[in-house]
C-alpha atoms as a PDB file:
ATOM      1  CA  MET A   1       0.101  -0.005  -0.003  1.00  0.00           C
ATOM      2  CA  THR A   2       1.120   3.583  -0.646  1.00  0.00           C
ATOM      3  CA  SER A   3      -0.100   6.513   1.480  1.00  0.00           C
ATOM      4  CA  LEU A   4      -0.031  10.235   0.861  1.00  0.00           C
ATOM      5  CA  VAL A   5       1.067  12.052   3.841  1.00  0.00           C
ATOM      6  CA  ILE A   6      -0.164  15.906   4.297  1.00  0.00           C
ATOM      7  CA  THR A   7      -0.471  18.375   7.248  1.00  0.00           C
ATOM      8  CA  SER A   8      -2.544  21.557   6.503  1.00  0.00           C
ATOM      9  CA  ILE A   9      -4.503  23.966   8.289  1.00  0.00           C
ATOM     10  CA  ALA A  10      -6.295  24.979   5.386  1.00  0.00           C
ATOM     11  CA  SER A  11     -10.426  24.681   5.050  1.00  0.00           C
ATOM     12  CA  ASP A  12     -11.869  20.969   3.318  1.00  0.00           C
ATOM     13  CA  ASN A  13     -13.084  23.420   0.495  1.00  0.00           C
ATOM     14  CA  HIS A  14      -9.171  24.102  -0.538  1.00  0.00           C
ATOM     15  CA  PRO A  15      -9.443  23.242  -4.498  1.00  0.00           C
ATOM     16  CA  VAL A  16      -5.718  20.924  -3.744  1.00  0.00           C
ATOM     17  CA  LEU A  17      -6.748  19.023  -0.767  1.00  0.00           C
ATOM     18  CA  GLN A  18      -9.993  18.288  -2.813  1.00  0.00           C
ATOM     19  CA  LYS A  19      -7.898  17.124  -5.661  1.00  0.00           C
ATOM     20  CA  TYR A  20      -5.713  14.643  -3.432  1.00  0.00           C
ATOM     21  CA  ALA A  21      -9.305  13.334  -2.392  1.00  0.00           C
ATOM     22  CA  LYS A  22     -10.683  12.412  -5.617  1.00  0.00           C
ATOM     23  CA  GLN A  23      -7.511   9.837  -6.749  1.00  0.00           C
ATOM     24  CA  ASN A  24      -8.197   6.416  -5.664  1.00  0.00           C
ATOM     25  CA  TYR A  25      -4.512   5.342  -5.920  1.00  0.00           C
ATOM     26  CA  PHE A  26      -3.165   6.186  -2.469  1.00  0.00           C
ATOM     27  CA  ASP A  27      -4.259   6.175   0.686  1.00  0.00           C
ATOM     28  CA  PHE A  28      -4.865   9.924   1.528  1.00  0.00           C
ATOM     29  CA  ILE A  29      -3.697  10.736   5.191  1.00  0.00           C
ATOM     30  CA  LEU A  30      -4.348  14.334   6.259  1.00  0.00           C
ATOM     31  CA  ILE A  31      -2.676  15.842   9.679  1.00  0.00           C
ATOM     32  CA  GLY A  32      -4.596  18.994  11.265  1.00  0.00           C
ATOM     33  CA  ASP A  33      -2.932  21.220  13.689  1.00  0.00           C
ATOM     34  CA  LYS A  34      -4.806  23.649  16.223  1.00  0.00           C
ATOM     35  CA  LYS A  35      -5.609  25.924  13.307  1.00  0.00           C
ATOM     36  CA  THR A  36      -7.395  23.445  11.180  1.00  0.00           C
ATOM     37  CA  PRO A  37     -10.793  24.082  10.868  1.00  0.00           C
ATOM     38  CA  GLU A  38     -12.993  21.786  13.510  1.00  0.00           C
ATOM     39  CA  ALA A  39     -15.450  21.137  11.276  1.00  0.00           C
ATOM     40  CA  PHE A  40     -12.918  19.910   8.535  1.00  0.00           C
ATOM     41  CA  SER A  41     -14.779  16.685   6.383  1.00  0.00           C
ATOM     42  CA  LEU A  42     -13.568  15.813   3.100  1.00  0.00           C
ATOM     43  CA  LYS A  43     -14.558  12.674   1.631  1.00  0.00           C
ATOM     44  CA  ASN A  44     -12.159  10.024   0.590  1.00  0.00           C
ATOM     45  CA  CYS A  45      -9.354  11.614   3.200  1.00  0.00           C
ATOM     46  CA  ASN A  46      -8.283  10.251   6.349  1.00  0.00           C
ATOM     47  CA  TYR A  47      -8.314  13.107   8.451  1.00  0.00           C
ATOM     48  CA  PHE A  48      -7.060  13.264  11.752  1.00  0.00           C
ATOM     49  CA  SER A  49      -7.531  16.237  14.217  1.00  0.00           C
ATOM     50  CA  VAL A  50      -5.362  17.003  16.961  1.00  0.00           C
ATOM     51  CA  LYS A  51      -7.905  14.605  19.432  1.00  0.00           C
ATOM     52  CA  GLN A  52      -7.812  12.258  16.847  1.00  0.00           C
ATOM     53  CA  GLN A  53      -3.869  12.178  16.896  1.00  0.00           C
ATOM     54  CA  GLU A  54      -3.950  11.840  20.704  1.00  0.00           C
ATOM     55  CA  ARG A  55      -6.155   8.707  20.577  1.00  0.00           C
ATOM     56  CA  LEU A  56      -3.613   7.141  18.725  1.00  0.00           C
ATOM     57  CA  ASN A  57      -1.583   6.659  21.873  1.00  0.00           C
ATOM     58  CA  PHE A  58       1.560   7.508  20.300  1.00  0.00           C
ATOM     59  CA  LYS A  59       4.552   8.263  22.446  1.00  0.00           C
ATOM     60  CA  LEU A  60       5.610  11.161  20.191  1.00  0.00           C
ATOM     61  CA  PHE A  61       2.139  12.866  20.369  1.00  0.00           C
ATOM     62  CA  GLU A  62       3.065  13.843  24.206  1.00  0.00           C
ATOM     63  CA  THR A  63       5.890  16.232  23.404  1.00  0.00           C
ATOM     64  CA  LEU A  64       5.248  17.294  19.582  1.00  0.00           C
ATOM     65  CA  PRO A  65       4.806  20.830  19.436  1.00  0.00           C
ATOM     66  CA  TYR A  66       1.652  22.132  17.941  1.00  0.00           C
ATOM     67  CA  ASP A  67       1.611  24.982  15.309  1.00  0.00           C
ATOM     68  CA  HIS A  68       4.528  23.449  13.686  1.00  0.00           C
ATOM     69  CA  TYR A  69       4.845  21.789  10.064  1.00  0.00           C
ATOM     70  CA  ALA A  70       6.652  18.705  12.173  1.00  0.00           C
ATOM     71  CA  ARG A  71       3.037  17.475  13.203  1.00  0.00           C
ATOM     72  CA  LYS A  72       3.474  15.775   9.886  1.00  0.00           C
ATOM     73  CA  ASN A  73       5.339  13.120  12.103  1.00  0.00           C
ATOM     74  CA  ILE A  74       2.223  11.700  13.178  1.00  0.00           C
ATOM     75  CA  GLY A  75       1.112  11.201   9.433  1.00  0.00           C
ATOM     76  CA  TYR A  76       4.238   9.103   9.128  1.00  0.00           C
ATOM     77  CA  LEU A  77       3.558   7.097  12.340  1.00  0.00           C
ATOM     78  CA  ILE A  78       0.096   6.567  11.288  1.00  0.00           C
ATOM     79  CA  ALA A  79       1.030   5.017   7.555  1.00  0.00           C
ATOM     80  CA  ALA A  80       3.790   3.159   9.414  1.00  0.00           C
ATOM     81  CA  LYS A  81       1.087   1.455  11.633  1.00  0.00           C
ATOM     82  CA  ASN A  82      -1.396   0.696   8.572  1.00  0.00           C
ATOM     83  CA  GLY A  83       1.119  -1.187   6.806  1.00  0.00           C
ATOM     84  CA  SER A  84       2.167   1.338   4.102  1.00  0.00           C
ATOM     85  CA  ASP A  85       5.041   0.464   2.066  1.00  0.00           C
ATOM     86  CA  ILE A  86       5.663   3.383   0.410  1.00  0.00           C
ATOM     87  CA  ILE A  87       4.911   7.499   2.140  1.00  0.00           C
ATOM     88  CA  VAL A  88       4.665   9.866  -0.902  1.00  0.00           C
ATOM     89  CA  GLU A  89       4.609  13.191   0.884  1.00  0.00           C
ATOM     90  CA  THR A  90       3.828  16.621  -0.556  1.00  0.00           C
ATOM     91  CA  ASP A  91       2.147  19.749   0.336  1.00  0.00           C
ATOM     92  CA  ASP A  92      -1.347  21.582  -0.209  1.00  0.00           C
ATOM     93  CA  ASP A  93       0.028  24.040  -2.826  1.00  0.00           C
ATOM     94  CA  ASN A  94       1.369  21.137  -5.308  1.00  0.00           C
ATOM     95  CA  ILE A  95      -0.629  20.172  -7.969  1.00  0.00           C
ATOM     96  CA  PRO A  96      -0.019  16.694  -9.286  1.00  0.00           C
ATOM     97  CA  TYR A  97       0.743  15.645 -12.942  1.00  0.00           C
ATOM     98  CA  PRO A  98      -0.499  12.531 -14.121  1.00  0.00           C
ATOM     99  CA  SER A  99       2.894  10.657 -13.826  1.00  0.00           C
ATOM    100  CA  PHE A 100       2.804  11.379  -9.928  1.00  0.00           C
ATOM    101  CA  TRP A 101       0.361   8.843  -9.466  1.00  0.00           C
ATOM    102  CA  GLU A 102       2.448   6.215 -11.378  1.00  0.00           C
ATOM    103  CA  LYS A 103       3.755   3.456  -9.556  1.00  0.00           C
ATOM    104  CA  ARG A 104       6.997   3.616  -7.566  1.00  0.00           C
ATOM    105  CA  GLU A 105      10.029   1.488  -7.891  1.00  0.00           C
ATOM    106  CA  LEU A 106      13.024   0.976  -5.124  1.00  0.00           C
ATOM    107  CA  LEU A 107      15.407   0.045  -7.477  1.00  0.00           C
ATOM    108  CA  HIS A 108      16.812   2.212 -10.706  1.00  0.00           C
ATOM    109  CA  ASN A 109      19.145   1.825 -13.657  1.00  0.00           C
ATOM    110  CA  VAL A 110      19.909   5.288 -13.293  1.00  0.00           C
ATOM    111  CA  LYS A 111      22.865   8.014 -13.786  1.00  0.00           C
ATOM    112  CA  THR A 112      24.858   7.923 -10.870  1.00  0.00           C
ATOM    113  CA  THR A 113      27.795   9.761  -9.098  1.00  0.00           C
ATOM    114  CA  GLU A 114      29.476   9.829  -5.933  1.00  0.00           C
ATOM    115  CA  ASN A 115      32.248  11.546  -4.286  1.00  0.00           C
ATOM    116  CA  THR A 116      31.323  14.682  -5.867  1.00  0.00           C
ATOM    117  CA  GLY A 117      30.866  16.975  -2.644  1.00  0.00           C
ATOM    118  CA  TRP A 118      28.029  19.443  -2.763  1.00  0.00           C
ATOM    119  CA  LEU A 119      26.045  19.252  -6.082  1.00  0.00           C
ATOM    120  CA  ASN A 120      23.472  21.757  -7.470  1.00  0.00           C
ATOM    121  CA  ILE A 121      20.986  19.290  -8.551  1.00  0.00           C
ATOM    122  CA  TYR A 122      18.692  22.068 -10.557  1.00  0.00           C
ATOM    123  CA  SER A 123      21.655  22.420 -12.669  1.00  0.00           C
ATOM    124  CA  LEU A 124      20.938  19.371 -13.849  1.00  0.00           C
ATOM    125  CA  PHE A 125      17.658  19.812 -14.780  1.00  0.00           C
ATOM    126  CA  SER A 126      17.826  23.295 -16.004  1.00  0.00           C
ATOM    127  CA  GLU A 127      19.952  25.655 -17.932  1.00  0.00           C
ATOM    128  CA  LYS A 128      18.508  28.644 -15.873  1.00  0.00           C
ATOM    129  CA  LYS A 129      20.711  29.524 -13.193  1.00  0.00           C
ATOM    130  CA  THR A 130      18.850  28.099 -10.080  1.00  0.00           C
ATOM    131  CA  TRP A 131      19.484  26.316  -6.844  1.00  0.00           C
ATOM    132  CA  THR A 132      17.193  24.464  -4.322  1.00  0.00           C
ATOM    133  CA  ARG A 133      16.494  25.608  -0.865  1.00  0.00           C
ATOM    134  CA  GLY A 134      19.047  24.323   1.341  1.00  0.00           C
ATOM    135  CA  PHE A 135      21.866  24.613  -1.144  1.00  0.00           C
ATOM    136  CA  PRO A 136      24.894  26.696   0.564  1.00  0.00           C
ATOM    137  CA  LEU A 137      25.130  30.053  -0.728  1.00  0.00           C
ATOM    138  CA  GLU A 138      28.805  30.130  -0.754  1.00  0.00           C
ATOM    139  CA  LEU A 139      29.021  27.606  -3.566  1.00  0.00           C
ATOM    140  CA  ILE A 140      25.929  28.899  -5.766  1.00  0.00           C
ATOM    141  CA  ASN A 141      28.768  30.130  -8.023  1.00  0.00           C
ATOM    142  CA  GLU A 142      30.583  26.813  -8.477  1.00  0.00           C
ATOM    143  CA  LYS A 143      30.764  25.344 -11.573  1.00  0.00           C
ATOM    144  CA  LYS A 144      31.142  21.414 -11.230  1.00  0.00           C
ATOM    145  CA  GLU A 145      30.709  18.832 -14.176  1.00  0.00           C
ATOM    146  CA  PRO A 146      30.211  15.565 -12.164  1.00  0.00           C
ATOM    147  CA  PHE A 147      31.301  12.266 -13.975  1.00  0.00           C
ATOM    148  CA  PHE A 148      28.038   9.798 -13.748  1.00  0.00           C
ATOM    149  CA  ILE A 149      28.014   6.311 -14.814  1.00  0.00           C
ATOM    150  CA  GLU A 150      24.818   4.451 -15.446  1.00  0.00           C
ATOM    151  CA  LYS A 151      23.933   1.238 -12.876  1.00  0.00           C
ATOM    152  CA  LYS A 152      21.189  -0.191 -11.327  1.00  0.00           C
ATOM    153  CA  VAL A 153      20.864   1.139  -7.594  1.00  0.00           C
ATOM    154  CA  GLU A 154      18.721   1.377  -4.557  1.00  0.00           C
ATOM    155  CA  CYS A 155      16.946   4.325  -4.132  1.00  0.00           C
ATOM    156  CA  PRO A 156      14.795   4.520  -0.803  1.00  0.00           C
ATOM    157  CA  ILE A 157      14.163   8.155  -0.601  1.00  0.00           C
ATOM    158  CA  GLN A 158      13.500   9.936  -3.878  1.00  0.00           C
ATOM    159  CA  GLN A 159      12.946  13.538  -4.663  1.00  0.00           C
ATOM    160  CA  GLY A 160      10.515  14.667  -7.177  1.00  0.00           C
ATOM    161  CA  LEU A 161      11.088  18.420  -8.485  1.00  0.00           C
ATOM    162  CA  ALA A 162       8.202  20.938  -8.816  1.00  0.00           C
ATOM    163  CA  ASP A 163       7.397  22.951 -11.895  1.00  0.00           C
ATOM    164  CA  GLU A 164       6.244  27.076 -11.967  1.00  0.00           C
ATOM    165  CA  ASN A 165       7.305  27.554  -8.648  1.00  0.00           C
ATOM    166  CA  PRO A 166       9.745  25.353  -7.368  1.00  0.00           C
ATOM    167  CA  ASP A 167      11.472  25.144  -4.027  1.00  0.00           C
ATOM    168  CA  VAL A 168      14.196  27.913  -4.182  1.00  0.00           C
ATOM    169  CA  ASP A 169      15.306  29.908  -1.240  1.00  0.00           C
ATOM    170  CA  ALA A 170      14.348  33.330  -0.329  1.00  0.00           C
ATOM    171  CA  ALA A 171      17.513  34.664  -1.763  1.00  0.00           C
ATOM    172  CA  PHE A 172      16.686  33.540  -4.896  1.00  0.00           C
ATOM    173  CA  ARG A 173      13.289  34.570  -5.065  1.00  0.00           C
ATOM    174  CA  LEU A 174      14.462  38.250  -4.229  1.00  0.00           C
ATOM    175  CA  THR A 175      17.320  38.428  -6.802  1.00  0.00           C
ATOM    176  CA  HIS A 176      15.596  36.113  -9.918  1.00  0.00           C
ATOM    177  CA  GLU A 177      12.607  35.501 -11.725  1.00  0.00           C
ATOM    178  CA  LEU A 178      10.126  32.989 -11.498  1.00  0.00           C
ATOM    179  CA  PRO A 179       8.420  30.552 -13.070  1.00  0.00           C
ATOM    180  CA  VAL A 180      10.891  27.775 -13.565  1.00  0.00           C
ATOM    181  CA  LYS A 181      10.128  24.816 -15.901  1.00  0.00           C
ATOM    182  CA  PHE A 182      12.314  22.090 -15.591  1.00  0.00           C
ATOM    183  CA  LYS A 183      13.713  19.070 -18.281  1.00  0.00           C
ATOM    184  CA  LYS A 184      11.418  16.106 -18.454  1.00  0.00           C
ATOM    185  CA  LYS A 185      11.837  12.545 -18.211  1.00  0.00           C
ATOM    186  CA  LEU A 186      15.328  12.924 -16.289  1.00  0.00           C
ATOM    187  CA  SER A 187      16.518  11.075 -13.185  1.00  0.00           C
ATOM    188  CA  PHE A 188      19.785  11.159 -11.327  1.00  0.00           C
ATOM    189  CA  ALA A 189      21.063   9.008  -8.323  1.00  0.00           C
ATOM    190  CA  LEU A 190      23.633  10.516  -5.690  1.00  0.00           C
ATOM    191  CA  GLY A 191      25.462   7.864  -3.266  1.00  0.00           C
ATOM    192  CA  LYS A 192      28.093   8.407  -0.743  1.00  0.00           C
ATOM    193  CA  ASN A 193      29.551  11.733  -0.378  1.00  0.00           C
ATOM    194  CA  ALA A 194      27.718  13.476  -3.221  1.00  0.00           C
ATOM    195  CA  ILE A 195      25.469  15.957  -1.535  1.00  0.00           C
ATOM    196  CA  SER A 196      22.118  17.832  -2.511  1.00  0.00           C
ATOM    197  CA  PRO A 197      19.431  19.304  -0.438  1.00  0.00           C
ATOM    198  CA  PHE A 198      15.821  17.658  -0.748  1.00  0.00           C
ATOM    199  CA  ASN A 199      12.459  18.590   0.869  1.00  0.00           C
ATOM    200  CA  SER A 200       9.317  17.348   1.849  1.00  0.00           C
ATOM    201  CA  GLN A 201       7.152  18.893  -1.220  1.00  0.00           C
ATOM    202  CA  ASN A 202       7.585  15.801  -3.543  1.00  0.00           C
ATOM    203  CA  THR A 203       9.121  12.927  -1.644  1.00  0.00           C
ATOM    204  CA  THR A 204       8.833   9.478  -2.141  1.00  0.00           C
ATOM    205  CA  TRP A 205      10.225   7.266   1.064  1.00  0.00           C
ATOM    206  CA  PHE A 206      10.392   3.066   1.073  1.00  0.00           C
ATOM    207  CA  ARG A 207       9.292   1.629   3.935  1.00  0.00           C
ATOM    208  CA  LYS A 208      13.043   0.748   5.297  1.00  0.00           C
ATOM    209  CA  ALA A 209      13.257   4.383   5.054  1.00  0.00           C
ATOM    210  CA  PHE A 210      10.919   5.501   7.455  1.00  0.00           C
ATOM    211  CA  PRO A 211      12.790   5.944  10.216  1.00  0.00           C
ATOM    212  CA  LEU A 212      14.634   8.522   8.616  1.00  0.00           C
ATOM    213  CA  MET A 213      11.750  10.839   8.064  1.00  0.00           C
ATOM    214  CA  TYR A 214      11.829  12.050  11.125  1.00  0.00           C
ATOM    215  CA  LEU A 215      10.864  16.174  10.860  1.00  0.00           C
ATOM    216  CA  PRO A 216      12.980  17.874  13.916  1.00  0.00           C
ATOM    217  CA  SER A 217      11.032  20.437  15.715  1.00  0.00           C
ATOM    218  CA  PHE A 218      13.251  22.818  17.407  1.00  0.00           C
ATOM    219  CA  CYS A 219      14.703  24.664  14.709  1.00  0.00           C
ATOM    220  CA  SER A 220      13.207  27.226  11.531  1.00  0.00           C
ATOM    221  CA  PHE A 221      10.587  26.053  10.147  1.00  0.00           C
ATOM    222  CA  ARG A 222      12.177  26.754   7.072  1.00  0.00           C
ATOM    223  CA  MET A 223      15.041  24.701   7.838  1.00  0.00           C
ATOM    224  CA  THR A 224      13.028  21.305   9.226  1.00  0.00           C
ATOM    225  CA  ASP A 225      12.692  19.307   5.875  1.00  0.00           C
ATOM    226  CA  ILE A 226      16.313  20.483   4.639  1.00  0.00           C
ATOM    227  CA  TRP A 227      18.084  19.477   7.909  1.00  0.00           C
ATOM    228  CA  ARG A 228      16.137  16.248   7.910  1.00  0.00           C
ATOM    229  CA  SER A 229      17.661  15.735   4.335  1.00  0.00           C
ATOM    230  CA  PHE A 230      21.460  16.266   5.239  1.00  0.00           C
ATOM    231  CA  VAL A 231      20.699  13.652   8.279  1.00  0.00           C
ATOM    232  CA  ALA A 232      18.988  11.229   5.996  1.00  0.00           C
ATOM    233  CA  GLN A 233      21.616  11.486   3.153  1.00  0.00           C
ATOM    234  CA  ARG A 234      24.345  11.058   5.683  1.00  0.00           C
ATOM    235  CA  ILE A 235      22.636   7.867   7.155  1.00  0.00           C
ATOM    236  CA  ALA A 236      21.796   6.500   3.826  1.00  0.00           C
ATOM    237  CA  TRP A 237      25.362   6.329   3.083  1.00  0.00           C
ATOM    238  CA  THR A 238      26.112   3.911   5.390  1.00  0.00           C
ATOM    239  CA  CYS A 239      23.426   1.577   4.592  1.00  0.00           C
ATOM    240  CA  GLY A 240      24.542   1.731   0.742  1.00  0.00           C
ATOM    241  CA  TRP A 241      21.605   3.804  -0.424  1.00  0.00           C
ATOM    242  CA  HIS A 242      21.351   6.392  -3.257  1.00  0.00           C
ATOM    243  CA  ILE A 243      18.738   9.375  -2.976  1.00  0.00           C
ATOM    244  CA  LEU A 244      17.113   9.296  -6.272  1.00  0.00           C
ATOM    245  CA  TYR A 245      16.152  13.182  -8.037  1.00  0.00           C
ATOM    246  CA  HIS A 246      13.729  12.937 -11.025  1.00  0.00           C
ATOM    247  CA  SER A 247      11.931  15.299 -13.414  1.00  0.00           C
ATOM    248  CA  PRO A 248       8.724  17.013 -11.930  1.00  0.00           C
ATOM    249  CA  THR A 249       5.490  15.270 -11.149  1.00  0.00           C
ATOM    250  CA  VAL A 250       4.009  18.277  -9.573  1.00  0.00           C
ATOM    251  CA  TYR A 251       3.637  21.977 -10.198  1.00  0.00           C
ATOM    252  CA  GLN A 252       3.525  24.560  -7.509  1.00  0.00           C
ATOM    253  CA  GLU A 253       0.759  27.303  -6.982  1.00  0.00           C
ATOM    254  CA  ARG A 254       2.521  28.687  -4.009  1.00  0.00           C
ATOM    255  CA  ASN A 255       0.629  29.803  -0.858  1.00  0.00           C
ATOM    256  CA  GLU A 256       0.809  32.852   0.449  1.00  0.00           C
ATOM    257  CA  HIS A 257       4.341  33.774   1.554  1.00  0.00           C
ATOM    258  CA  ASN A 258       6.239  36.912   3.075  1.00  0.00           C
ATOM    259  CA  ILE A 259       9.288  36.559   1.451  1.00  0.00           C
ATOM    260  CA  LEU A 260      11.131  38.815   4.011  1.00  0.00           C
ATOM    261  CA  LYS A 261      10.142  36.594   6.923  1.00  0.00           C
ATOM    262  CA  ASP A 262      11.085  33.777   4.945  1.00  0.00           C
ATOM    263  CA  PHE A 263      14.505  35.027   4.431  1.00  0.00           C
ATOM    264  CA  GLU A 264      15.130  35.735   7.889  1.00  0.00           C
ATOM    265  CA  ASP A 265      13.604  32.118   8.709  1.00  0.00           C
ATOM    266  CA  GLU A 266      16.316  30.663   6.258  1.00  0.00           C
ATOM    267  CA  ILE A 267      19.378  32.656   7.987  1.00  0.00           C
ATOM    268  CA  PRO A 268      20.189  29.615  10.186  1.00  0.00           C
ATOM    269  CA  GLY A 269      20.584  27.640   6.875  1.00  0.00           C
ATOM    270  CA  TYR A 270      22.777  30.187   4.951  1.00  0.00           C
ATOM    271  CA  LEU A 271      24.718  30.359   7.805  1.00  0.00           C
ATOM    272  CA  ASN A 272      25.229  26.731   8.737  1.00  0.00           C
ATOM    273  CA  ASN A 273      24.034  24.276   5.958  1.00  0.00           C
ATOM    274  CA  PHE A 274      27.627  23.615   4.696  1.00  0.00           C
ATOM    275  CA  LYS A 275      29.089  23.455   8.159  1.00  0.00           C
ATOM    276  CA  ILE A 276      26.030  21.117   9.491  1.00  0.00           C
ATOM    277  CA  MET A 277      26.778  18.618   6.379  1.00  0.00           C
ATOM    278  CA  GLN A 278      30.433  18.814   7.202  1.00  0.00           C
ATOM    279  CA  THR A 279      29.909  18.080  10.875  1.00  0.00           C
ATOM    280  CA  LEU A 280      27.874  14.876   9.828  1.00  0.00           C
ATOM    281  CA  ILE A 281      30.183  13.628   7.108  1.00  0.00           C
ATOM    282  CA  ASP A 282      32.944  13.532  10.128  1.00  0.00           C
ATOM    283  CA  LEU A 283      30.974  11.507  12.611  1.00  0.00           C
ATOM    284  CA  ASP A 284      32.076   8.424  13.136  1.00  0.00           C
ATOM    285  CA  LEU A 285      28.504   6.404  12.444  1.00  0.00           C
ATOM    286  CA  LYS A 286      27.787   2.627  12.389  1.00  0.00           C
ATOM    287  CA  ASN A 287      27.116   0.801   8.961  1.00  0.00           C
ATOM    288  CA  GLY A 288      24.350  -1.290   8.492  1.00  0.00           C
ATOM    289  CA  GLU A 289      20.425  -0.677   7.690  1.00  0.00           C
ATOM    290  CA  GLU A 290      19.914  -2.093  11.499  1.00  0.00           C
ATOM    291  CA  ASN A 291      21.895   1.030  13.156  1.00  0.00           C
ATOM    292  CA  ILE A 292      19.675   3.645  11.314  1.00  0.00           C
ATOM    293  CA  CYS A 293      18.046   4.603  14.712  1.00  0.00           C
ATOM    294  CA  ASP A 294      21.127   4.495  16.787  1.00  0.00           C
ATOM    295  CA  ASN A 295      23.014   6.751  13.953  1.00  0.00           C
ATOM    296  CA  LEU A 296      19.806   8.977  14.346  1.00  0.00           C
ATOM    297  CA  ILE A 297      20.366   9.491  17.990  1.00  0.00           C
ATOM    298  CA  THR A 298      24.013  10.406  16.863  1.00  0.00           C
ATOM    299  CA  ILE A 299      23.354  13.029  14.815  1.00  0.00           C
ATOM    300  CA  TYR A 300      20.736  14.699  17.002  1.00  0.00           C
ATOM    301  CA  LYS A 301      22.808  14.499  20.059  1.00  0.00           C
ATOM    302  CA  LYS A 302      25.951  16.429  17.851  1.00  0.00           C
ATOM    303  CA  MET A 303      22.941  18.977  16.214  1.00  0.00           C
ATOM    304  CA  VAL A 304      21.744  19.956  19.982  1.00  0.00           C
ATOM    305  CA  GLU A 305      25.473  20.034  21.355  1.00  0.00           C
ATOM    306  CA  LYS A 306      26.214  22.671  18.452  1.00  0.00           C
ATOM    307  CA  GLN A 307      23.157  24.666  18.976  1.00  0.00           C
ATOM    308  CA  TRP A 308      21.688  24.139  15.712  1.00  0.00           C
ATOM    309  CA  ILE A 309      19.129  22.637  17.141  1.00  0.00           C
ATOM    310  CA  THR A 310      17.820  25.127  19.861  1.00  0.00           C
ATOM    311  CA  ASP A 311      16.255  22.942  22.500  1.00  0.00           C
ATOM    312  CA  LYS A 312      17.110  19.892  24.396  1.00  0.00           C
ATOM    313  CA  ARG A 313      13.656  18.671  23.696  1.00  0.00           C
ATOM    314  CA  GLU A 314      14.599  17.188  20.614  1.00  0.00           C
ATOM    315  CA  LEU A 315      16.233  14.544  21.839  1.00  0.00           C
ATOM    316  CA  LYS A 316      13.097  13.824  23.916  1.00  0.00           C
ATOM    317  CA  LEU A 317      11.269  13.984  20.802  1.00  0.00           C
ATOM    318  CA  ILE A 318      13.582  11.380  19.043  1.00  0.00           C
ATOM    319  CA  GLU A 319      13.424   9.174  21.845  1.00  0.00           C
ATOM    320  CA  ASN A 320       9.813   8.936  21.301  1.00  0.00           C
ATOM    321  CA  TRP A 321       9.840   8.509  17.771  1.00  0.00           C
ATOM    322  CA  ILE A 322      12.041   5.663  17.758  1.00  0.00           C
ATOM    323  CA  PHE A 323      10.030   4.114  20.740  1.00  0.00           C
ATOM    324  CA  ASP A 324       6.833   4.528  18.704  1.00  0.00           C
ATOM    325  CA  LEU A 325       8.899   2.922  15.428  1.00  0.00           C
ATOM    326  CA  GLN A 326      10.008  -0.093  17.406  1.00  0.00           C
ATOM    327  CA  ASN A 327       6.613  -0.718  18.946  1.00  0.00           C
ATOM    328  CA  LEU A 328       5.392  -0.767  14.758  1.00  0.00           C
ATOM    329  CA  GLY A 329       8.149  -3.299  14.113  1.00  0.00           C
ATOM    330  CA  PHE A 330      10.807  -1.197  12.907  1.00  0.00           C
END
């Protein structure tokens, strides 16, 4: 089974949410927050209000903050509990192309690269100068032509791009024009020591990678999915996995944003993204899929120590996340 997980504070007449509810390909799980309208009701949507989340008896619920994008973590646990083999996540301003509903495959015969360091993945999909949110600003003018070889690799984490209003940072939005449309029918896989941020806007996770879906709470909203991608990428290397990036299967009609507020919220990333990933690379992690949860704890302890994660309560959240996963058989 494949589950689609979204968190939203929109009403049930939101056109994108209605579009997702009309499909019959995926089990649609929608996670509410305190600001979600109390009367929310949408046919063919498994909506979970805060009260319904509490009744699930997840340990994570006890410590997870409200009014935060990281409430999406509850949706991941619900999908895992329901026996999903694949979780696809997106947001309520991403509109699916027909290709969004196509079957996902774990193994891909694809152009791969390793040991390239940071790679501006958007440069492989467009001639227009652009970069993904989370890419270190100090590297945006660096020109790199990585060497790719085509081979079959395991890709339990797969990032789809978004057309029109893609996931670029506020620095890009303040200095460059949109829209952007990316090339079609392209895929690339990044292996060990090849680094690119990925987001939570059009992302596929296979069951073995579910523990890496954890979104941190005690950091900027604009960094939670980006820093998760650094954590997931680093641990993926210990498992011999590749991260797949592929042409858009959605286009975005972006919800209203205050770009200067986004810029302010992204400052911790502008200042620290490069340093965070280098610190994670230098950590002595254990190899093997059986050590994923131990490696998660090691990484988040380091991020709290470095004060990139700003509150020690994050470590209790991680502990509860792992407790719930273990109860679900991970």
